[in-house]
């Protein structure tokens, strides 16, 4: 991964959202109003953690996040989610 231009503080991390699925495998198009916020993403940057709580998530990890977790931010024209390590529900192994 290349150097990211924002460095999160403490236990925060920045996630690049995966695109929402807008078409089923059978070819049915899902209306934009029925598409949920993406729940998966790739970690682009991580903070150093807290004194009593080291970071267990690394840059490049694919993660599962809660529907309403974090804050949307824009960096160099791209949209990302900034959230705390506690907002991560799982690291996806694939």
N, C-alpha and C. Protein backbone atom coordinates (compact mmCIF):
# COMPACT_ATOMS: atom_id res chain seq x y z
N UNK A 1 0.84 -1.17 0.00
CA UNK A 1 0.00 0.00 0.00
C UNK A 1 0.89 1.24 0.00
N UNK A 2 0.47 2.23 -0.73
CA UNK A 2 1.24 3.48 -0.76
C UNK A 2 0.95 4.30 0.49
N UNK A 3 1.78 5.30 0.72
CA UNK A 3 1.64 6.17 1.89
C UNK A 3 0.32 6.95 1.80
N UNK A 4 -0.45 6.92 2.87
CA UNK A 4 -1.73 7.63 2.92
C UNK A 4 -1.48 9.02 3.48
N UNK A 5 -2.19 10.02 2.99
CA UNK A 5 -1.90 11.41 3.35
C UNK A 5 -2.51 11.88 4.67
N UNK A 6 -3.24 11.00 5.37
CA UNK A 6 -3.82 11.35 6.67
C UNK A 6 -3.39 10.29 7.67
N UNK A 7 -2.94 10.73 8.84
CA UNK A 7 -2.53 9.80 9.91
C UNK A 7 -3.53 9.91 11.05
N UNK A 8 -4.35 8.86 11.28
CA UNK A 8 -5.31 8.90 12.39
C UNK A 8 -4.59 8.92 13.74
N UNK A 9 -5.24 9.49 14.72
CA UNK A 9 -4.70 9.54 16.08
C UNK A 9 -5.28 8.43 16.94
N UNK A 10 -4.51 8.02 17.94
CA UNK A 10 -4.92 7.06 18.96
C UNK A 10 -5.49 5.77 18.35
N UNK A 11 -6.74 5.41 18.70
CA UNK A 11 -7.30 4.13 18.25
C UNK A 11 -8.20 4.28 17.02
N UNK A 12 -7.98 5.33 16.27
CA UNK A 12 -8.81 5.56 15.08
C UNK A 12 -8.15 4.94 13.85
N UNK A 13 -8.99 4.64 12.85
CA UNK A 13 -8.48 4.13 11.58
C UNK A 13 -9.33 4.66 10.44
N UNK A 14 -8.77 4.59 9.24
CA UNK A 14 -9.46 5.08 8.05
C UNK A 14 -9.69 3.89 7.13
N UNK A 15 -10.94 3.77 6.66
CA UNK A 15 -11.36 2.63 5.85
C UNK A 15 -11.88 3.11 4.51
N UNK A 16 -11.43 2.46 3.44
CA UNK A 16 -11.97 2.69 2.10
C UNK A 16 -13.13 1.73 1.92
N UNK A 17 -14.32 2.27 1.72
CA UNK A 17 -15.52 1.44 1.60
C UNK A 17 -15.52 0.66 0.29
N UNK A 18 -16.02 -0.57 0.35
CA UNK A 18 -16.27 -1.32 -0.88
C UNK A 18 -17.58 -0.82 -1.47
N UNK A 19 -17.70 -0.91 -2.77
CA UNK A 19 -18.92 -0.48 -3.44
C UNK A 19 -20.08 -1.37 -3.04
N UNK A 20 -21.25 -0.77 -2.88
CA UNK A 20 -22.46 -1.52 -2.56
C UNK A 20 -22.89 -2.33 -3.77
N UNK A 21 -23.47 -3.49 -3.52
CA UNK A 21 -23.95 -4.34 -4.60
C UNK A 21 -25.23 -3.73 -5.14
N UNK A 22 -25.27 -3.45 -6.45
CA UNK A 22 -26.44 -2.83 -7.06
C UNK A 22 -27.16 -3.76 -8.04
N UNK A 23 -26.63 -4.98 -8.20
CA UNK A 23 -27.23 -5.94 -9.12
C UNK A 23 -27.05 -7.34 -8.54
N UNK A 24 -28.13 -8.13 -8.57
CA UNK A 24 -28.03 -9.50 -8.06
C UNK A 24 -27.34 -10.38 -9.08
N UNK A 25 -26.95 -11.58 -8.66
CA UNK A 25 -26.30 -12.51 -9.59
C UNK A 25 -27.24 -12.93 -10.71
N UNK A 26 -28.55 -12.82 -10.49
CA UNK A 26 -29.54 -13.15 -11.52
C UNK A 26 -29.83 -11.99 -12.46
N UNK A 27 -29.19 -10.82 -12.23
CA UNK A 27 -29.35 -9.68 -13.12
C UNK A 27 -30.38 -8.66 -12.68
N UNK A 28 -30.98 -8.84 -11.52
CA UNK A 28 -31.99 -7.89 -11.03
C UNK A 28 -31.27 -6.67 -10.47
N UNK A 29 -31.65 -5.48 -10.93
CA UNK A 29 -31.04 -4.23 -10.47
C UNK A 29 -31.73 -3.79 -9.19
N UNK A 30 -30.92 -3.50 -8.18
CA UNK A 30 -31.44 -3.06 -6.89
C UNK A 30 -31.51 -1.54 -6.89
N UNK A 31 -32.68 -0.93 -6.61
CA UNK A 31 -32.80 0.53 -6.60
C UNK A 31 -31.85 1.16 -5.57
N UNK A 32 -31.35 2.35 -5.87
CA UNK A 32 -30.37 3.00 -4.99
C UNK A 32 -30.93 3.24 -3.59
N UNK A 33 -32.22 3.45 -3.45
CA UNK A 33 -32.82 3.67 -2.14
C UNK A 33 -32.85 2.41 -1.29
N UNK A 34 -32.75 1.24 -1.92
CA UNK A 34 -32.80 -0.02 -1.19
C UNK A 34 -31.41 -0.56 -0.85
N UNK A 35 -30.36 0.12 -1.33
CA UNK A 35 -28.99 -0.34 -1.08
C UNK A 35 -28.50 0.21 0.25
N UNK A 36 -28.07 -0.67 1.13
CA UNK A 36 -27.52 -0.26 2.42
C UNK A 36 -26.13 0.33 2.26
N UNK A 37 -25.72 1.08 3.28
CA UNK A 37 -24.35 1.57 3.35
C UNK A 37 -23.42 0.36 3.35
N UNK A 38 -22.32 0.39 2.62
CA UNK A 38 -21.41 -0.76 2.61
C UNK A 38 -20.93 -1.11 4.01
N UNK A 39 -20.82 -2.38 4.27
CA UNK A 39 -20.41 -2.87 5.57
C UNK A 39 -18.98 -3.43 5.56
N UNK A 40 -18.36 -3.45 4.39
CA UNK A 40 -17.01 -3.97 4.25
C UNK A 40 -16.09 -2.88 3.74
N UNK A 41 -14.82 -3.03 4.06
CA UNK A 41 -13.86 -2.07 3.56
C UNK A 41 -12.43 -2.53 3.80
N UNK A 42 -11.49 -1.76 3.27
CA UNK A 42 -10.07 -2.03 3.43
C UNK A 42 -9.46 -0.92 4.27
N UNK A 43 -8.68 -1.30 5.27
CA UNK A 43 -8.04 -0.33 6.15
C UNK A 43 -6.89 0.36 5.41
N UNK A 44 -6.95 1.68 5.35
CA UNK A 44 -5.95 2.47 4.64
C UNK A 44 -4.91 3.08 5.58
N UNK A 45 -5.30 3.39 6.81
CA UNK A 45 -4.38 4.00 7.78
C UNK A 45 -4.86 3.68 9.19
N UNK A 46 -3.91 3.51 10.12
CA UNK A 46 -4.26 3.24 11.51
C UNK A 46 -3.45 4.14 12.43
N UNK A 47 -4.05 4.46 13.58
CA UNK A 47 -3.34 5.22 14.60
C UNK A 47 -2.42 4.31 15.39
N UNK A 48 -1.77 4.86 16.41
CA UNK A 48 -0.81 4.09 17.21
C UNK A 48 -1.47 3.34 18.36
N UNK A 49 -2.76 3.56 18.59
CA UNK A 49 -3.46 2.91 19.68
C UNK A 49 -3.43 3.76 20.94
N UNK A 50 -4.04 3.25 21.99
CA UNK A 50 -4.04 3.91 23.29
C UNK A 50 -3.00 3.26 24.18
N UNK A 51 -2.69 3.91 25.29
CA UNK A 51 -1.68 3.40 26.22
C UNK A 51 -2.00 1.98 26.68
N UNK A 52 -3.26 1.74 27.04
CA UNK A 52 -3.67 0.43 27.55
C UNK A 52 -4.29 -0.47 26.48
N UNK A 53 -4.35 0.01 25.24
CA UNK A 53 -5.07 -0.71 24.19
C UNK A 53 -4.32 -0.60 22.86
N UNK A 54 -3.42 -1.54 22.56
CA UNK A 54 -2.68 -1.48 21.30
C UNK A 54 -3.59 -1.79 20.10
N UNK A 55 -3.19 -1.35 18.94
CA UNK A 55 -3.95 -1.61 17.73
C UNK A 55 -3.77 -3.07 17.31
N UNK A 56 -4.86 -3.74 17.00
CA UNK A 56 -4.81 -5.12 16.52
C UNK A 56 -5.18 -5.21 15.05
N UNK A 57 -5.55 -4.08 14.46
CA UNK A 57 -5.92 -4.01 13.05
C UNK A 57 -4.79 -3.32 12.30
N UNK A 58 -4.46 -3.84 11.12
CA UNK A 58 -3.34 -3.32 10.34
C UNK A 58 -3.79 -2.76 9.00
N UNK A 59 -2.96 -1.92 8.42
CA UNK A 59 -3.21 -1.40 7.08
C UNK A 59 -3.31 -2.59 6.12
N UNK A 60 -4.32 -2.56 5.26
CA UNK A 60 -4.53 -3.63 4.30
C UNK A 60 -5.53 -4.68 4.74
N UNK A 61 -5.89 -4.71 6.03
CA UNK A 61 -6.89 -5.68 6.50
C UNK A 61 -8.24 -5.37 5.87
N UNK A 62 -8.97 -6.42 5.50
CA UNK A 62 -10.36 -6.27 5.06
C UNK A 62 -11.22 -6.45 6.30
N UNK A 63 -12.10 -5.49 6.55
CA UNK A 63 -12.86 -5.49 7.80
C UNK A 63 -14.35 -5.37 7.56
N UNK A 64 -15.10 -5.75 8.57
CA UNK A 64 -16.55 -5.62 8.59
C UNK A 64 -16.87 -4.57 9.64
N UNK A 65 -17.65 -3.55 9.25
CA UNK A 65 -17.97 -2.46 10.16
C UNK A 65 -19.49 -2.34 10.32
N UNK A 66 -19.91 -1.74 11.43
CA UNK A 66 -21.33 -1.54 11.68
C UNK A 66 -21.95 -0.56 10.69
N UNK A 67 -23.24 -0.68 10.47
CA UNK A 67 -23.94 0.16 9.49
C UNK A 67 -23.81 1.65 9.76
N UNK A 68 -23.82 2.04 11.02
CA UNK A 68 -23.80 3.46 11.34
C UNK A 68 -22.51 3.85 12.06
N UNK A 69 -21.46 3.09 11.86
CA UNK A 69 -20.18 3.34 12.53
C UNK A 69 -19.38 4.42 11.80
N UNK A 70 -18.64 5.18 12.57
CA UNK A 70 -17.68 6.12 12.02
C UNK A 70 -18.27 7.37 11.41
N UNK A 71 -17.36 8.14 10.82
CA UNK A 71 -17.69 9.42 10.19
C UNK A 71 -17.16 9.41 8.77
N UNK A 72 -17.97 9.83 7.82
CA UNK A 72 -17.50 9.93 6.44
C UNK A 72 -16.58 11.12 6.29
N UNK A 73 -15.43 10.91 5.65
CA UNK A 73 -14.49 11.99 5.39
C UNK A 73 -14.06 11.93 3.93
N UNK A 74 -13.62 13.06 3.41
CA UNK A 74 -13.11 13.10 2.04
C UNK A 74 -11.62 13.43 2.10
N UNK A 75 -10.82 12.62 1.41
CA UNK A 75 -9.38 12.83 1.33
C UNK A 75 -8.99 12.77 -0.13
N UNK A 76 -8.45 13.86 -0.64
CA UNK A 76 -8.00 13.95 -2.03
C UNK A 76 -9.08 13.49 -3.01
N UNK A 77 -10.33 13.90 -2.77
CA UNK A 77 -11.43 13.60 -3.67
C UNK A 77 -12.06 12.22 -3.50
N UNK A 78 -11.55 11.41 -2.58
CA UNK A 78 -12.09 10.07 -2.33
C UNK A 78 -12.80 10.06 -0.98
N UNK A 79 -13.87 9.26 -0.87
CA UNK A 79 -14.61 9.15 0.38
C UNK A 79 -14.11 7.95 1.19
N UNK A 80 -13.97 8.17 2.52
CA UNK A 80 -13.51 7.15 3.44
C UNK A 80 -14.36 7.22 4.71
N UNK A 81 -14.22 6.20 5.56
CA UNK A 81 -14.84 6.21 6.88
C UNK A 81 -13.72 6.28 7.91
N UNK A 82 -13.84 7.20 8.86
CA UNK A 82 -12.92 7.23 10.00
C UNK A 82 -13.70 6.72 11.20
N UNK A 83 -13.16 5.69 11.86
CA UNK A 83 -13.84 5.12 13.02
C UNK A 83 -12.82 4.67 14.05
N UNK A 84 -13.31 4.23 15.17
CA UNK A 84 -12.45 3.70 16.23
C UNK A 84 -12.30 2.19 16.05
N UNK A 85 -11.24 1.67 16.61
CA UNK A 85 -11.00 0.23 16.52
C UNK A 85 -12.18 -0.56 17.08
N UNK A 86 -12.85 -0.05 18.10
CA UNK A 86 -14.00 -0.73 18.70
C UNK A 86 -15.18 -0.86 17.73
N UNK A 87 -15.23 -0.02 16.68
CA UNK A 87 -16.32 -0.09 15.70
C UNK A 87 -16.16 -1.26 14.72
N UNK A 88 -14.98 -1.87 14.67
CA UNK A 88 -14.73 -2.99 13.79
C UNK A 88 -15.33 -4.26 14.39
N UNK A 89 -16.18 -4.94 13.61
CA UNK A 89 -16.83 -6.14 14.10
C UNK A 89 -16.01 -7.39 13.80
N UNK A 90 -15.24 -7.38 12.68
CA UNK A 90 -14.47 -8.56 12.32
C UNK A 90 -13.42 -8.20 11.27
N UNK A 91 -12.35 -8.98 11.25
CA UNK A 91 -11.38 -8.93 10.15
C UNK A 91 -11.73 -10.08 9.24
N UNK A 92 -11.93 -9.79 7.95
CA UNK A 92 -12.34 -10.81 6.99
C UNK A 92 -11.12 -11.56 6.47
N UNK A 93 -11.16 -12.86 6.53
CA UNK A 93 -10.06 -13.71 6.05
C UNK A 93 -10.49 -14.34 4.73
N UNK A 94 -9.97 -13.82 3.61
CA UNK A 94 -10.30 -14.43 2.33
C UNK A 94 -9.16 -14.43 1.40
